[in-house]
Amino acid sequence: MSNLRYFDAAAVAKTAPPPKIAVHTEFLRTGRINRHRPEWHADEKRYLTHQEVAERTGRKLQAAATVTHERINAFHASIRFPKVVFHRTLQGRPHLGYCHVTTARTKFAQFNDVRWSFYIANFFSEIGDDEQFFDSVKIGYSRMYFAVATEMDRDAGKLILNRSVHENGLLFRTAEPKEALKNVLLLGARNEQLRRIINSL
């Protein structure tokens, strides 16, 4: 388990302190003792659980994937990708995660039919092996847009990285959203004329 601790910066409100309640006056006025106290004061940090951080990260990733999918499909009527949106956060570091945007098939010169998936991560890293997919994660506010070739593992019954395609299964990886959009559109373009239009962007 990670030693990282997270606090809710938005909850540290810079408001005037609440007026102090004179307990004895309240008792004389109402006959009741108010034992309810807030769990935390506005000037204190409220620490978040890893589950809360993972949920917040997940909402941001899902929103990013949805907007990206809409932008890709709005480019040209002949290029349409299915919406296959889901996300994962990194174990022990729930503020870091990635989301799947879409999946499709394409043709390369050497390969007739390649299945691929497009992802967005809220960090930048190298693509490692099957045991540790994200290698040398760089902490920061950069994003990583990448697409990988996939194939069905019949024994495990799930999609795995097809490392025989391109550079160890990695079709492209970039920190630039415009370049990522261009690469995804090129993967989805069905003819050379459309590819020329996309390359001219």
N, C-alpha and C. Protein backbone atom coordinates (compact mmCIF):
# COMPACT_ATOMS: atom_id res chain seq x y z
N MET A 1 0.85 -1.19 0.00
CA MET A 1 0.00 0.00 0.00
C MET A 1 0.88 1.24 0.00
N SER A 2 0.47 2.21 -0.71
CA SER A 2 1.24 3.45 -0.85
C SER A 2 1.14 4.29 0.41
N ASN A 3 2.20 5.08 0.66
CA ASN A 3 2.20 6.01 1.79
C ASN A 3 1.66 7.37 1.40
N LEU A 4 1.21 7.53 0.16
CA LEU A 4 0.69 8.81 -0.28
C LEU A 4 -0.58 9.16 0.48
N ARG A 5 -0.70 10.44 0.87
CA ARG A 5 -1.91 10.93 1.51
C ARG A 5 -2.42 12.10 0.69
N TYR A 6 -3.75 12.18 0.57
CA TYR A 6 -4.38 13.22 -0.24
C TYR A 6 -5.30 14.02 0.64
N PHE A 7 -5.35 15.33 0.39
CA PHE A 7 -6.33 16.13 1.11
C PHE A 7 -7.14 16.95 0.12
N ASP A 8 -8.33 17.31 0.55
CA ASP A 8 -9.28 18.03 -0.28
C ASP A 8 -8.96 19.52 -0.20
N ALA A 9 -8.25 20.03 -1.20
CA ALA A 9 -7.85 21.44 -1.19
C ALA A 9 -9.05 22.36 -1.31
N ALA A 10 -10.09 21.92 -2.01
CA ALA A 10 -11.28 22.76 -2.18
C ALA A 10 -12.04 22.93 -0.87
N ALA A 11 -11.87 21.96 0.03
CA ALA A 11 -12.61 22.02 1.28
C ALA A 11 -11.98 22.99 2.28
N VAL A 12 -10.73 23.36 2.02
CA VAL A 12 -10.09 24.32 2.93
C VAL A 12 -10.59 25.70 2.53
N ALA A 13 -11.77 26.03 2.95
CA ALA A 13 -12.42 27.28 2.56
C ALA A 13 -11.81 28.45 3.31
N LYS A 14 -11.65 29.55 2.58
CA LYS A 14 -11.09 30.75 3.21
C LYS A 14 -12.25 31.66 3.61
N THR A 15 -13.04 31.19 4.52
CA THR A 15 -14.18 31.97 4.99
C THR A 15 -13.90 32.45 6.40
N ALA A 16 -14.73 33.39 6.83
CA ALA A 16 -14.59 33.89 8.19
C ALA A 16 -14.94 32.77 9.17
N PRO A 17 -14.23 32.71 10.30
CA PRO A 17 -14.52 31.64 11.26
C PRO A 17 -15.95 31.78 11.78
N PRO A 18 -16.62 30.65 12.03
CA PRO A 18 -17.99 30.71 12.52
C PRO A 18 -18.04 31.36 13.90
N PRO A 19 -19.11 32.08 14.21
CA PRO A 19 -19.19 32.72 15.52
C PRO A 19 -19.23 31.67 16.62
N LYS A 20 -18.54 31.98 17.70
CA LYS A 20 -18.49 31.04 18.82
C LYS A 20 -19.84 31.03 19.53
N ILE A 21 -20.26 29.83 19.87
CA ILE A 21 -21.54 29.68 20.57
C ILE A 21 -21.26 29.55 22.06
N ALA A 22 -21.88 30.39 22.84
CA ALA A 22 -21.75 30.29 24.29
C ALA A 22 -22.63 29.13 24.75
N VAL A 23 -21.99 28.05 25.16
CA VAL A 23 -22.72 26.82 25.50
C VAL A 23 -23.69 27.05 26.65
N HIS A 24 -23.26 27.77 27.67
CA HIS A 24 -24.14 27.97 28.84
C HIS A 24 -25.35 28.83 28.47
N THR A 25 -25.17 29.81 27.56
CA THR A 25 -26.28 30.65 27.14
C THR A 25 -27.29 29.84 26.34
N GLU A 26 -26.79 28.99 25.44
CA GLU A 26 -27.67 28.12 24.65
C GLU A 26 -28.48 27.20 25.57
N PHE A 27 -27.83 26.67 26.62
CA PHE A 27 -28.52 25.77 27.53
C PHE A 27 -29.62 26.51 28.30
N LEU A 28 -29.30 27.74 28.75
CA LEU A 28 -30.30 28.52 29.49
C LEU A 28 -31.47 28.92 28.58
N ARG A 29 -31.17 29.18 27.30
CA ARG A 29 -32.21 29.62 26.38
C ARG A 29 -33.09 28.48 25.92
N THR A 30 -32.47 27.32 25.59
CA THR A 30 -33.24 26.21 24.98
C THR A 30 -33.42 25.03 25.92
N GLY A 31 -32.58 24.92 26.93
CA GLY A 31 -32.65 23.75 27.80
C GLY A 31 -31.96 22.53 27.22
N ARG A 32 -31.28 22.69 26.08
CA ARG A 32 -30.58 21.55 25.44
C ARG A 32 -29.10 21.85 25.35
N ILE A 33 -28.32 20.77 25.39
CA ILE A 33 -26.88 20.89 25.16
C ILE A 33 -26.62 20.34 23.76
N ASN A 34 -26.07 21.17 22.90
CA ASN A 34 -25.78 20.76 21.54
C ASN A 34 -24.43 20.04 21.51
N ARG A 35 -24.49 18.74 21.32
CA ARG A 35 -23.25 17.94 21.32
C ARG A 35 -22.71 17.73 19.90
N HIS A 36 -23.44 18.21 18.90
CA HIS A 36 -22.99 18.03 17.52
C HIS A 36 -21.90 19.04 17.20
N ARG A 37 -20.76 18.52 16.79
CA ARG A 37 -19.66 19.37 16.37
C ARG A 37 -19.27 18.94 14.96
N PRO A 38 -18.85 19.87 14.12
CA PRO A 38 -18.40 19.47 12.79
C PRO A 38 -17.20 18.54 12.88
N GLU A 39 -17.10 17.60 11.92
CA GLU A 39 -15.99 16.64 11.93
C GLU A 39 -14.66 17.33 11.69
N TRP A 40 -14.66 18.41 10.95
CA TRP A 40 -13.43 19.14 10.71
C TRP A 40 -13.76 20.62 10.54
N HIS A 41 -12.80 21.46 10.85
CA HIS A 41 -12.97 22.89 10.71
C HIS A 41 -12.51 23.32 9.33
N ALA A 42 -13.01 24.45 8.89
CA ALA A 42 -12.69 24.93 7.54
C ALA A 42 -11.21 25.19 7.34
N ASP A 43 -10.50 25.50 8.42
CA ASP A 43 -9.07 25.79 8.27
C ASP A 43 -8.20 24.55 8.42
N GLU A 44 -8.81 23.38 8.57
CA GLU A 44 -8.06 22.13 8.67
C GLU A 44 -8.13 21.37 7.36
N LYS A 45 -7.13 20.53 7.11
CA LYS A 45 -7.12 19.69 5.93
C LYS A 45 -7.99 18.45 6.19
N ARG A 46 -8.84 18.15 5.22
CA ARG A 46 -9.61 16.91 5.32
C ARG A 46 -8.95 15.90 4.39
N TYR A 47 -8.39 14.87 4.97
CA TYR A 47 -7.69 13.87 4.16
C TYR A 47 -8.69 12.95 3.50
N LEU A 48 -8.40 12.59 2.26
CA LEU A 48 -9.26 11.73 1.47
C LEU A 48 -8.72 10.30 1.48
N THR A 49 -9.62 9.35 1.39
CA THR A 49 -9.20 7.96 1.27
C THR A 49 -8.76 7.72 -0.17
N HIS A 50 -8.02 6.65 -0.37
CA HIS A 50 -7.59 6.31 -1.73
C HIS A 50 -8.80 6.01 -2.61
N GLN A 51 -9.85 5.47 -2.03
CA GLN A 51 -11.07 5.18 -2.80
C GLN A 51 -11.71 6.48 -3.30
N GLU A 52 -11.77 7.50 -2.43
CA GLU A 52 -12.32 8.80 -2.83
C GLU A 52 -11.49 9.43 -3.95
N VAL A 53 -10.17 9.33 -3.83
CA VAL A 53 -9.28 9.89 -4.86
C VAL A 53 -9.48 9.15 -6.17
N ALA A 54 -9.58 7.82 -6.10
CA ALA A 54 -9.77 7.00 -7.31
C ALA A 54 -11.10 7.35 -7.99
N GLU A 55 -12.15 7.60 -7.20
CA GLU A 55 -13.45 7.98 -7.78
C GLU A 55 -13.37 9.33 -8.48
N ARG A 56 -12.69 10.30 -7.87
CA ARG A 56 -12.54 11.62 -8.50
C ARG A 56 -11.72 11.51 -9.78
N THR A 57 -10.64 10.76 -9.72
CA THR A 57 -9.80 10.56 -10.91
C THR A 57 -10.61 9.90 -12.01
N GLY A 58 -11.39 8.89 -11.64
CA GLY A 58 -12.21 8.16 -12.60
C GLY A 58 -13.21 9.05 -13.31
N ARG A 59 -13.85 9.96 -12.57
CA ARG A 59 -14.82 10.87 -13.19
C ARG A 59 -14.15 11.78 -14.22
N LYS A 60 -12.95 12.27 -13.89
CA LYS A 60 -12.22 13.14 -14.82
C LYS A 60 -11.79 12.36 -16.06
N LEU A 61 -11.33 11.15 -15.87
CA LEU A 61 -10.90 10.33 -17.00
C LEU A 61 -12.07 9.98 -17.91
N GLN A 62 -13.21 9.61 -17.31
CA GLN A 62 -14.40 9.27 -18.10
C GLN A 62 -14.84 10.48 -18.93
N ALA A 63 -14.82 11.66 -18.32
CA ALA A 63 -15.22 12.88 -19.03
C ALA A 63 -14.26 13.17 -20.18
N ALA A 64 -12.95 13.00 -19.95
CA ALA A 64 -11.95 13.23 -21.00
C ALA A 64 -12.15 12.26 -22.16
N ALA A 65 -12.43 11.00 -21.84
CA ALA A 65 -12.64 9.99 -22.89
C ALA A 65 -13.88 10.29 -23.71
N THR A 66 -14.95 10.71 -23.06
CA THR A 66 -16.21 11.01 -23.75
C THR A 66 -16.04 12.19 -24.70
N VAL A 67 -15.42 13.26 -24.23
CA VAL A 67 -15.20 14.45 -25.07
C VAL A 67 -14.29 14.11 -26.24
N THR A 68 -13.24 13.33 -26.00
CA THR A 68 -12.31 12.95 -27.06
C THR A 68 -13.01 12.12 -28.12
N HIS A 69 -13.84 11.18 -27.70
CA HIS A 69 -14.58 10.35 -28.66
C HIS A 69 -15.50 11.20 -29.52
N GLU A 70 -16.17 12.17 -28.92
CA GLU A 70 -17.05 13.06 -29.69
C GLU A 70 -16.26 13.87 -30.72
N ARG A 71 -15.08 14.35 -30.35
CA ARG A 71 -14.25 15.14 -31.27
C ARG A 71 -13.76 14.29 -32.43
N ILE A 72 -13.38 13.06 -32.15
CA ILE A 72 -12.89 12.17 -33.21
C ILE A 72 -14.01 11.89 -34.22
N ASN A 73 -15.19 11.58 -33.72
CA ASN A 73 -16.31 11.24 -34.61
C ASN A 73 -16.89 12.45 -35.33
N ALA A 74 -16.57 13.64 -34.89
CA ALA A 74 -17.09 14.85 -35.54
C ALA A 74 -16.24 15.29 -36.73
N PHE A 75 -15.12 14.63 -36.95
CA PHE A 75 -14.20 15.07 -38.01
C PHE A 75 -14.77 14.85 -39.41
N HIS A 76 -15.20 13.65 -39.73
CA HIS A 76 -15.66 13.33 -41.08
C HIS A 76 -16.72 12.23 -40.99
N ALA A 77 -17.73 12.33 -41.85
CA ALA A 77 -18.85 11.37 -41.80
C ALA A 77 -18.43 9.94 -42.09
N SER A 78 -17.35 9.76 -42.85
CA SER A 78 -16.92 8.40 -43.19
C SER A 78 -16.03 7.75 -42.12
N ILE A 79 -15.60 8.54 -41.14
CA ILE A 79 -14.78 7.99 -40.05
C ILE A 79 -15.62 7.96 -38.78
N ARG A 80 -15.97 6.78 -38.37
CA ARG A 80 -16.77 6.59 -37.16
C ARG A 80 -16.13 5.50 -36.30
N PHE A 81 -15.98 5.79 -35.04
CA PHE A 81 -15.41 4.83 -34.10
C PHE A 81 -16.44 4.48 -33.04
N PRO A 82 -16.45 3.24 -32.59
CA PRO A 82 -17.38 2.88 -31.51
C PRO A 82 -16.95 3.52 -30.19
N LYS A 83 -17.91 3.82 -29.36
CA LYS A 83 -17.60 4.40 -28.05
C LYS A 83 -17.45 3.25 -27.05
N VAL A 84 -16.20 3.01 -26.65
CA VAL A 84 -15.90 1.96 -25.67
C VAL A 84 -15.09 2.63 -24.57
N VAL A 85 -15.79 3.27 -23.64
CA VAL A 85 -15.14 4.10 -22.62
C VAL A 85 -15.13 3.38 -21.27
N PHE A 86 -13.93 3.22 -20.73
CA PHE A 86 -13.76 2.74 -19.36
C PHE A 86 -12.43 3.26 -18.84
N HIS A 87 -12.21 3.18 -17.55
CA HIS A 87 -10.98 3.72 -16.97
C HIS A 87 -10.43 2.78 -15.90
N ARG A 88 -9.16 3.00 -15.57
CA ARG A 88 -8.49 2.30 -14.48
C ARG A 88 -7.55 3.30 -13.80
N THR A 89 -7.37 3.13 -12.50
CA THR A 89 -6.38 3.94 -11.78
C THR A 89 -5.22 3.03 -11.37
N LEU A 90 -4.05 3.62 -11.18
CA LEU A 90 -2.87 2.84 -10.82
C LEU A 90 -2.92 2.45 -9.35
N GLN A 91 -2.57 1.21 -9.10
CA GLN A 91 -2.59 0.71 -7.72
C GLN A 91 -1.58 1.47 -6.86
N GLY A 92 -2.03 1.93 -5.71
CA GLY A 92 -1.16 2.67 -4.80
C GLY A 92 -1.02 4.14 -5.14
N ARG A 93 -1.47 4.54 -6.36
CA ARG A 93 -1.40 5.94 -6.79
C ARG A 93 -2.71 6.29 -7.48
N PRO A 94 -3.80 6.40 -6.72
CA PRO A 94 -5.12 6.59 -7.33
C PRO A 94 -5.33 7.91 -8.04
N HIS A 95 -4.41 8.87 -7.89
CA HIS A 95 -4.52 10.13 -8.65
C HIS A 95 -4.04 9.95 -10.08
N LEU A 96 -3.41 8.82 -10.38
CA LEU A 96 -2.93 8.52 -11.72
C LEU A 96 -3.80 7.42 -12.34
N GLY A 97 -4.15 7.60 -13.60
CA GLY A 97 -4.97 6.59 -14.26
C GLY A 97 -5.00 6.78 -15.76
N TYR A 98 -5.72 5.88 -16.41
CA TYR A 98 -5.86 5.94 -17.86
C TYR A 98 -7.27 5.55 -18.24
N CYS A 99 -7.69 5.97 -19.43
CA CYS A 99 -9.02 5.63 -19.91
C CYS A 99 -8.95 5.12 -21.34
N HIS A 100 -9.80 4.17 -21.64
CA HIS A 100 -9.94 3.63 -22.99
C HIS A 100 -11.00 4.46 -23.70
N VAL A 101 -10.72 4.87 -24.94
CA VAL A 101 -11.65 5.73 -25.68
C VAL A 101 -12.39 4.95 -26.75
N THR A 102 -11.63 4.22 -27.57
CA THR A 102 -12.26 3.49 -28.67
C THR A 102 -11.38 2.34 -29.12
N THR A 103 -11.94 1.48 -29.92
CA THR A 103 -11.21 0.36 -30.50
C THR A 103 -11.72 0.15 -31.92
N ALA A 104 -10.84 -0.30 -32.80
CA ALA A 104 -11.23 -0.51 -34.20
C ALA A 104 -10.23 -1.45 -34.85
N ARG A 105 -10.38 -1.62 -36.17
CA ARG A 105 -9.46 -2.44 -36.96
C ARG A 105 -8.91 -1.57 -38.09
N THR A 106 -7.67 -1.89 -38.50
CA THR A 106 -7.06 -1.17 -39.61
C THR A 106 -6.13 -2.08 -40.37
N LYS A 107 -5.62 -1.60 -41.51
CA LYS A 107 -4.67 -2.36 -42.34
C LYS A 107 -3.36 -1.61 -42.39
N PHE A 108 -2.26 -2.36 -42.24
CA PHE A 108 -0.93 -1.84 -42.45
C PHE A 108 -0.33 -2.54 -43.65
N ALA A 109 0.82 -2.04 -44.10
CA ALA A 109 1.46 -2.64 -45.28
C ALA A 109 1.74 -4.12 -45.07
N GLN A 110 2.29 -4.47 -43.91
CA GLN A 110 2.65 -5.87 -43.65
C GLN A 110 1.51 -6.68 -43.05
N PHE A 111 0.55 -5.98 -42.45
CA PHE A 111 -0.52 -6.67 -41.71
C PHE A 111 -1.87 -6.33 -42.33
N ASN A 112 -2.63 -7.36 -42.63
CA ASN A 112 -3.90 -7.17 -43.31
C ASN A 112 -5.00 -6.67 -42.38
N ASP A 113 -5.03 -7.17 -41.16
CA ASP A 113 -6.11 -6.84 -40.23
C ASP A 113 -5.56 -6.69 -38.82
N VAL A 114 -5.47 -5.47 -38.34
CA VAL A 114 -4.91 -5.21 -37.01
C VAL A 114 -5.98 -4.58 -36.14
N ARG A 115 -6.26 -5.20 -35.02
CA ARG A 115 -7.17 -4.63 -34.02
C ARG A 115 -6.33 -3.71 -33.12
N TRP A 116 -6.87 -2.54 -32.79
CA TRP A 116 -6.13 -1.60 -31.96
C TRP A 116 -7.08 -0.88 -31.00
N SER A 117 -6.49 -0.32 -29.95
CA SER A 117 -7.24 0.44 -28.94
C SER A 117 -6.52 1.75 -28.67
N PHE A 118 -7.32 2.79 -28.43
CA PHE A 118 -6.80 4.13 -28.17
C PHE A 118 -7.07 4.51 -26.72
N TYR A 119 -6.04 5.01 -26.03
CA TYR A 119 -6.12 5.34 -24.61
C TYR A 119 -5.62 6.77 -24.35
N ILE A 120 -6.05 7.31 -23.21
CA ILE A 120 -5.50 8.57 -22.68
C ILE A 120 -5.09 8.30 -21.24
N ALA A 121 -3.90 8.75 -20.86
CA ALA A 121 -3.44 8.64 -19.47
C ALA A 121 -3.15 10.03 -18.93
N ASN A 122 -3.35 10.23 -17.62
CA ASN A 122 -3.06 11.55 -17.04
C ASN A 122 -1.63 11.62 -16.50
N PHE A 123 -0.74 10.88 -17.13
CA PHE A 123 0.68 10.88 -16.83
C PHE A 123 1.41 10.47 -18.11
N PHE A 124 2.74 10.55 -18.09
CA PHE A 124 3.51 10.11 -19.25
C PHE A 124 4.45 9.01 -18.78
N SER A 125 4.62 7.97 -19.59
CA SER A 125 5.49 6.86 -19.20
C SER A 125 5.96 6.10 -20.42
N GLU A 126 6.89 5.20 -20.19
CA GLU A 126 7.31 4.24 -21.21
C GLU A 126 6.32 3.08 -21.16
N ILE A 127 6.18 2.37 -22.28
CA ILE A 127 5.34 1.18 -22.31
C ILE A 127 6.24 -0.01 -22.02
N GLY A 128 5.92 -0.72 -20.94
CA GLY A 128 6.76 -1.83 -20.50
C GLY A 128 6.27 -3.17 -21.00
N ASP A 129 6.47 -4.20 -20.19
CA ASP A 129 6.06 -5.55 -20.56
C ASP A 129 4.67 -5.85 -20.01
N ASP A 130 4.24 -7.11 -20.13
CA ASP A 130 2.90 -7.47 -19.68
C ASP A 130 2.74 -7.39 -18.17
N GLU A 131 3.82 -7.64 -17.43
CA GLU A 131 3.75 -7.59 -15.96
C GLU A 131 3.58 -6.16 -15.46
N GLN A 132 4.36 -5.25 -16.02
CA GLN A 132 4.27 -3.83 -15.64
C GLN A 132 4.13 -3.02 -16.93
N PHE A 133 2.88 -2.79 -17.30
CA PHE A 133 2.60 -2.16 -18.59
C PHE A 133 3.15 -0.74 -18.66
N PHE A 134 2.95 0.04 -17.59
CA PHE A 134 3.48 1.40 -17.55
C PHE A 134 4.81 1.39 -16.80
N ASP A 135 5.87 1.74 -17.51
CA ASP A 135 7.21 1.70 -16.95
C ASP A 135 7.77 3.12 -16.90
N SER A 136 8.49 3.44 -15.84
CA SER A 136 9.10 4.78 -15.67
C SER A 136 8.05 5.88 -15.76
N VAL A 137 7.05 5.79 -14.89
CA VAL A 137 5.98 6.79 -14.86
C VAL A 137 6.56 8.13 -14.43
N LYS A 138 6.29 9.16 -15.23
CA LYS A 138 6.77 10.50 -14.93
C LYS A 138 5.64 11.27 -14.25
N ILE A 139 5.88 11.65 -13.02
CA ILE A 139 4.88 12.38 -12.24
C ILE A 139 4.81 13.81 -12.77
N GLY A 140 3.62 14.29 -12.96
CA GLY A 140 3.44 15.65 -13.46
C GLY A 140 2.04 15.81 -14.00
N TYR A 141 1.80 16.89 -14.67
CA TYR A 141 0.46 17.17 -15.18
C TYR A 141 0.34 16.91 -16.68
N SER A 142 1.34 16.23 -17.27
CA SER A 142 1.26 15.95 -18.69
C SER A 142 0.31 14.77 -18.94
N ARG A 143 -0.22 14.73 -20.14
CA ARG A 143 -1.06 13.61 -20.54
C ARG A 143 -0.31 12.77 -21.55
N MET A 144 -0.75 11.54 -21.71
CA MET A 144 -0.18 10.67 -22.71
C MET A 144 -1.33 10.08 -23.52
N TYR A 145 -1.25 10.25 -24.82
CA TYR A 145 -2.22 9.68 -25.74
C TYR A 145 -1.50 8.55 -26.48
N PHE A 146 -2.08 7.37 -26.49
CA PHE A 146 -1.39 6.27 -27.16
C PHE A 146 -2.38 5.23 -27.68
N ALA A 147 -1.93 4.51 -28.70
CA ALA A 147 -2.72 3.42 -29.27
C ALA A 147 -1.84 2.18 -29.34
N VAL A 148 -2.44 1.05 -29.02
CA VAL A 148 -1.70 -0.21 -29.05
C VAL A 148 -2.45 -1.24 -29.89
N ALA A 149 -1.69 -2.11 -30.54
CA ALA A 149 -2.29 -3.22 -31.29
C ALA A 149 -2.66 -4.31 -30.29
N THR A 150 -3.82 -4.90 -30.49
CA THR A 150 -4.28 -5.94 -29.56
C THR A 150 -4.64 -7.20 -30.31
N GLU A 151 -4.71 -8.31 -29.59
CA GLU A 151 -5.16 -9.58 -30.13
C GLU A 151 -5.85 -10.35 -29.03
N MET A 152 -6.67 -11.31 -29.40
CA MET A 152 -7.40 -12.11 -28.42
C MET A 152 -6.52 -13.25 -27.93
N ASP A 153 -6.37 -13.35 -26.62
CA ASP A 153 -5.70 -14.49 -26.01
C ASP A 153 -6.78 -15.53 -25.73
N ARG A 154 -6.80 -16.57 -26.53
CA ARG A 154 -7.87 -17.59 -26.43
C ARG A 154 -7.84 -18.29 -25.07
N ASP A 155 -6.64 -18.55 -24.54
CA ASP A 155 -6.54 -19.26 -23.26
C ASP A 155 -7.07 -18.43 -22.10
N ALA A 156 -6.65 -17.15 -22.06
CA ALA A 156 -7.09 -16.28 -20.96
C ALA A 156 -8.46 -15.68 -21.22
N GLY A 157 -8.92 -15.68 -22.48
CA GLY A 157 -10.22 -15.12 -22.81
C GLY A 157 -10.28 -13.61 -22.70
N LYS A 158 -9.15 -12.94 -23.03
CA LYS A 158 -9.13 -11.47 -22.95
C LYS A 158 -8.19 -10.92 -24.02
N LEU A 159 -8.30 -9.62 -24.25
CA LEU A 159 -7.42 -8.95 -25.20
C LEU A 159 -6.06 -8.70 -24.56
N ILE A 160 -5.02 -8.94 -25.33
CA ILE A 160 -3.66 -8.67 -24.87
C ILE A 160 -2.95 -7.85 -25.94
N LEU A 161 -1.78 -7.33 -25.59
CA LEU A 161 -0.99 -6.54 -26.53
C LEU A 161 -0.43 -7.45 -27.62
N ASN A 162 -0.58 -7.04 -28.86
CA ASN A 162 -0.02 -7.77 -29.99
C ASN A 162 1.36 -7.17 -30.28
N ARG A 163 2.40 -7.73 -29.71
CA ARG A 163 3.74 -7.16 -29.78
C ARG A 163 4.43 -7.42 -31.12
N SER A 164 3.79 -8.17 -32.00
CA SER A 164 4.40 -8.43 -33.32
C SER A 164 4.15 -7.27 -34.28
N VAL A 165 3.26 -6.36 -33.91
CA VAL A 165 2.92 -5.22 -34.77
C VAL A 165 3.72 -3.99 -34.35
N HIS A 166 4.30 -3.32 -35.31
CA HIS A 166 5.00 -2.05 -35.13
C HIS A 166 6.07 -2.16 -34.06
N GLU A 167 6.19 -1.16 -33.19
CA GLU A 167 7.22 -1.16 -32.15
C GLU A 167 6.69 -1.80 -30.88
N ASN A 168 6.82 -3.10 -30.80
CA ASN A 168 6.41 -3.84 -29.60
C ASN A 168 4.93 -3.66 -29.29
N GLY A 169 4.12 -3.47 -30.33
CA GLY A 169 2.67 -3.32 -30.15
C GLY A 169 2.20 -1.89 -30.02
N LEU A 170 3.13 -0.95 -29.84
CA LEU A 170 2.78 0.47 -29.70
C LEU A 170 2.66 1.11 -31.07
N LEU A 171 1.47 1.60 -31.41
CA LEU A 171 1.25 2.22 -32.72
C LEU A 171 1.66 3.69 -32.71
N PHE A 172 1.34 4.39 -31.64
CA PHE A 172 1.85 5.76 -31.44
C PHE A 172 1.70 6.14 -29.98
N ARG A 173 2.51 7.12 -29.57
CA ARG A 173 2.44 7.67 -28.21
C ARG A 173 2.88 9.11 -28.30
N THR A 174 2.09 10.02 -27.72
CA THR A 174 2.40 11.44 -27.79
C THR A 174 1.79 12.17 -26.60
N ALA A 175 2.33 13.34 -26.32
CA ALA A 175 1.75 14.21 -25.29
C ALA A 175 0.90 15.30 -25.92
N GLU A 176 0.90 15.37 -27.26
CA GLU A 176 0.18 16.42 -27.98
C GLU A 176 -1.22 15.94 -28.42
N PRO A 177 -2.29 16.58 -27.96
CA PRO A 177 -3.64 16.14 -28.34
C PRO A 177 -3.91 16.22 -29.85
N LYS A 178 -3.38 17.25 -30.51
CA LYS A 178 -3.61 17.40 -31.95
C LYS A 178 -2.96 16.25 -32.73
N GLU A 179 -1.75 15.91 -32.34
CA GLU A 179 -1.04 14.80 -32.98
C GLU A 179 -1.76 13.48 -32.74
N ALA A 180 -2.27 13.30 -31.54
CA ALA A 180 -3.02 12.08 -31.21
C ALA A 180 -4.27 11.97 -32.06
N LEU A 181 -5.01 13.08 -32.18
CA LEU A 181 -6.22 13.10 -33.00
C LEU A 181 -5.90 12.72 -34.45
N LYS A 182 -4.83 13.30 -34.95
CA LYS A 182 -4.40 13.02 -36.32
C LYS A 182 -4.08 11.54 -36.51
N ASN A 183 -3.35 10.97 -35.56
CA ASN A 183 -2.96 9.56 -35.65
C ASN A 183 -4.18 8.63 -35.60
N VAL A 184 -5.12 8.93 -34.72
CA VAL A 184 -6.33 8.10 -34.62
C VAL A 184 -7.13 8.19 -35.91
N LEU A 185 -7.27 9.39 -36.46
CA LEU A 185 -8.01 9.56 -37.71
C LEU A 185 -7.33 8.82 -38.86
N LEU A 186 -6.00 8.83 -38.88
CA LEU A 186 -5.27 8.08 -39.91
C LEU A 186 -5.53 6.58 -39.78
N LEU A 187 -5.61 6.10 -38.54
CA LEU A 187 -5.91 4.68 -38.34
C LEU A 187 -7.32 4.33 -38.81
N GLY A 188 -8.22 5.32 -38.75
CA GLY A 188 -9.61 5.06 -39.15
C GLY A 188 -9.93 5.41 -40.59
N ALA A 189 -9.01 6.11 -41.27
CA ALA A 189 -9.26 6.52 -42.66
C ALA A 189 -9.31 5.30 -43.57
N ARG A 190 -10.33 5.25 -44.44
CA ARG A 190 -10.53 4.07 -45.28
C ARG A 190 -9.90 4.19 -46.66
N ASN A 191 -9.48 5.38 -47.07
CA ASN A 191 -8.87 5.51 -48.40
C ASN A 191 -7.73 6.54 -48.37
N GLU A 192 -6.94 6.52 -49.43
CA GLU A 192 -5.75 7.35 -49.51
C GLU A 192 -6.09 8.84 -49.59
N GLN A 193 -7.17 9.17 -50.24
CA GLN A 193 -7.60 10.57 -50.36
C GLN A 193 -7.87 11.18 -48.99
N LEU A 194 -8.57 10.42 -48.15
CA LEU A 194 -8.86 10.88 -46.79
C LEU A 194 -7.58 11.00 -45.96
N ARG A 195 -6.66 10.07 -46.17
CA ARG A 195 -5.38 10.13 -45.46
C ARG A 195 -4.59 11.38 -45.84
N ARG A 196 -4.64 11.76 -47.10
CA ARG A 196 -3.95 12.97 -47.53
C ARG A 196 -4.55 14.21 -46.87
N ILE A 197 -5.88 14.25 -46.74
CA ILE A 197 -6.55 15.39 -46.09
C ILE A 197 -6.13 15.47 -44.62
N ILE A 198 -6.09 14.32 -43.96
CA ILE A 198 -5.72 14.29 -42.54
C ILE A 198 -4.26 14.70 -42.37
N ASN A 199 -3.38 14.22 -43.23
CA ASN A 199 -1.95 14.56 -43.14
C ASN A 199 -1.70 16.04 -43.38
N SER A 200 -2.59 16.70 -44.10
CA SER A 200 -2.41 18.13 -44.37
C SER A 200 -2.82 19.01 -43.19
N LEU A 201 -3.43 18.43 -42.17
CA LEU A 201 -3.88 19.22 -41.01
C LEU A 201 -2.71 19.78 -40.24
